[in-house]
C-alpha atoms as a PDB file:
ATOM      1  CA  MET A   1       8.614 -14.173   4.734  1.00  0.00           C
ATOM      2  CA  ALA A   2       9.542 -11.294   7.007  1.00  0.00           C
ATOM      3  CA  THR A   3       8.153  -8.627   4.678  1.00  0.00           C
ATOM      4  CA  GLY A   4       4.965  -8.170   6.707  1.00  0.00           C
ATOM      5  CA  ALA A   5       6.890  -7.902   9.961  1.00  0.00           C
ATOM      6  CA  ILE A   6       9.248  -5.341   8.469  1.00  0.00           C
ATOM      7  CA  LEU A   7       6.305  -3.370   7.072  1.00  0.00           C
ATOM      8  CA  MET A   8       4.619  -3.302  10.481  1.00  0.00           C
ATOM      9  CA  ALA A   9       7.849  -2.292  12.236  1.00  0.00           C
ATOM     10  CA  VAL A  10       8.409   0.546   9.775  1.00  0.00           C
ATOM     11  CA  ALA A  11       4.761   1.617  10.042  1.00  0.00           C
ATOM     12  CA  ASP A  12       5.063   1.681  13.826  1.00  0.00           C
ATOM     13  CA  LEU A  13       8.274   3.700  13.626  1.00  0.00           C
ATOM     14  CA  VAL A  14       6.707   6.191  11.210  1.00  0.00           C
ATOM     15  CA  GLY A  15       3.576   6.419  13.347  1.00  0.00           C
ATOM     16  CA  ARG A  16       5.617   7.251  16.414  1.00  0.00           C
ATOM     17  CA  SER A  17       7.863   9.812  14.745  1.00  0.00           C
ATOM     18  CA  ILE A  18       5.660  11.625  12.197  1.00  0.00           C
ATOM     19  CA  ILE A  19       3.850  13.674  14.842  1.00  0.00           C
ATOM     20  CA  ALA A  20       6.310  13.490  17.701  1.00  0.00           C
ATOM     21  CA  PRO A  21       4.273  14.202  20.834  1.00  0.00           C
ATOM     22  CA  LEU A  22       1.379  12.008  19.651  1.00  0.00           C
ATOM     23  CA  GLU A  23       1.352   8.462  18.333  1.00  0.00           C
ATOM     24  CA  LEU A  24      -0.342   7.488  15.112  1.00  0.00           C
ATOM     25  CA  PRO A  25      -1.516   3.859  15.110  1.00  0.00           C
ATOM     26  CA  ALA A  26       0.385   1.511  12.816  1.00  0.00           C
ATOM     27  CA  CYS A  27      -2.889   0.456  11.190  1.00  0.00           C
ATOM     28  CA  VAL A  28      -3.429   4.021   9.951  1.00  0.00           C
ATOM     29  CA  VAL A  29       0.030   4.126   8.399  1.00  0.00           C
ATOM     30  CA  THR A  30      -0.409   0.731   6.730  1.00  0.00           C
ATOM     31  CA  ALA A  31      -3.836   1.790   5.431  1.00  0.00           C
ATOM     32  CA  VAL A  32      -2.331   4.919   3.879  1.00  0.00           C
ATOM     33  CA  LEU A  33       0.345   2.790   2.229  1.00  0.00           C
ATOM     34  CA  GLY A  34      -1.876  -0.151   1.336  1.00  0.00           C
ATOM     35  CA  ALA A  35      -4.964   1.573  -0.056  1.00  0.00           C
ATOM     36  CA  PRO A  36      -3.314   2.863  -3.260  1.00  0.00           C
ATOM     37  CA  PHE A  37      -1.658  -0.516  -3.807  1.00  0.00           C
ATOM     38  CA  PHE A  38      -4.989  -2.294  -3.321  1.00  0.00           C
ATOM     39  CA  MET A  39      -6.701   0.067  -5.764  1.00  0.00           C
ATOM     40  CA  LEU A  40      -3.946  -0.638  -8.265  1.00  0.00           C
ATOM     41  CA  LEU A  41      -4.592  -4.359  -7.920  1.00  0.00           C
ATOM     42  CA  MET A  42      -8.358  -3.938  -8.269  1.00  0.00           C
ATOM     43  CA  ARG A  43      -8.326  -1.891 -11.464  1.00  0.00           C
ATOM     44  CA  PRO A  44      -9.684  -3.644 -14.517  1.00  0.00           C
ATOM     45  CA  PRO A  45      -7.133  -5.122 -16.889  1.00  0.00           C
ATOM     46  CA  ALA A  46      -6.196  -3.098 -19.941  1.00  0.00           C
ATOM     47  CA  SER A  47      -8.259  -4.078 -22.933  1.00  0.00           C
ATOM     48  CA  ARG A  48      -6.332  -5.783 -25.648  1.00  0.00           C
ATOM     49  CA  LYS A  49      -7.024  -4.382 -29.059  1.00  0.00           C
ATOM     50  CA  THR A  50      -6.259  -7.005 -31.615  1.00  0.00           C
ATOM     51  CA  SER A  51      -6.284  -6.317 -35.283  1.00  0.00           C
ATOM     52  CA  VAL A  52      -7.387  -9.068 -37.565  1.00  0.00           C
ATOM     53  CA  SER A  53      -5.592  -8.876 -40.846  1.00  0.00           C
ATOM     54  CA  GLY A  54      -6.410 -11.243 -43.645  1.00  0.00           C
END
């Protein structure tokens, strides 16, 4: 339940500390983390090769 809140808190912490004098928005950090995961979810399923033996 609290996974999203923890993710946003960590993203905010990383955004504030990665480039110390400037702040990186939390949405940028979550996009960098979430885009590869989303692409992984959107890939087509592996084709199943079935062999038919008589």
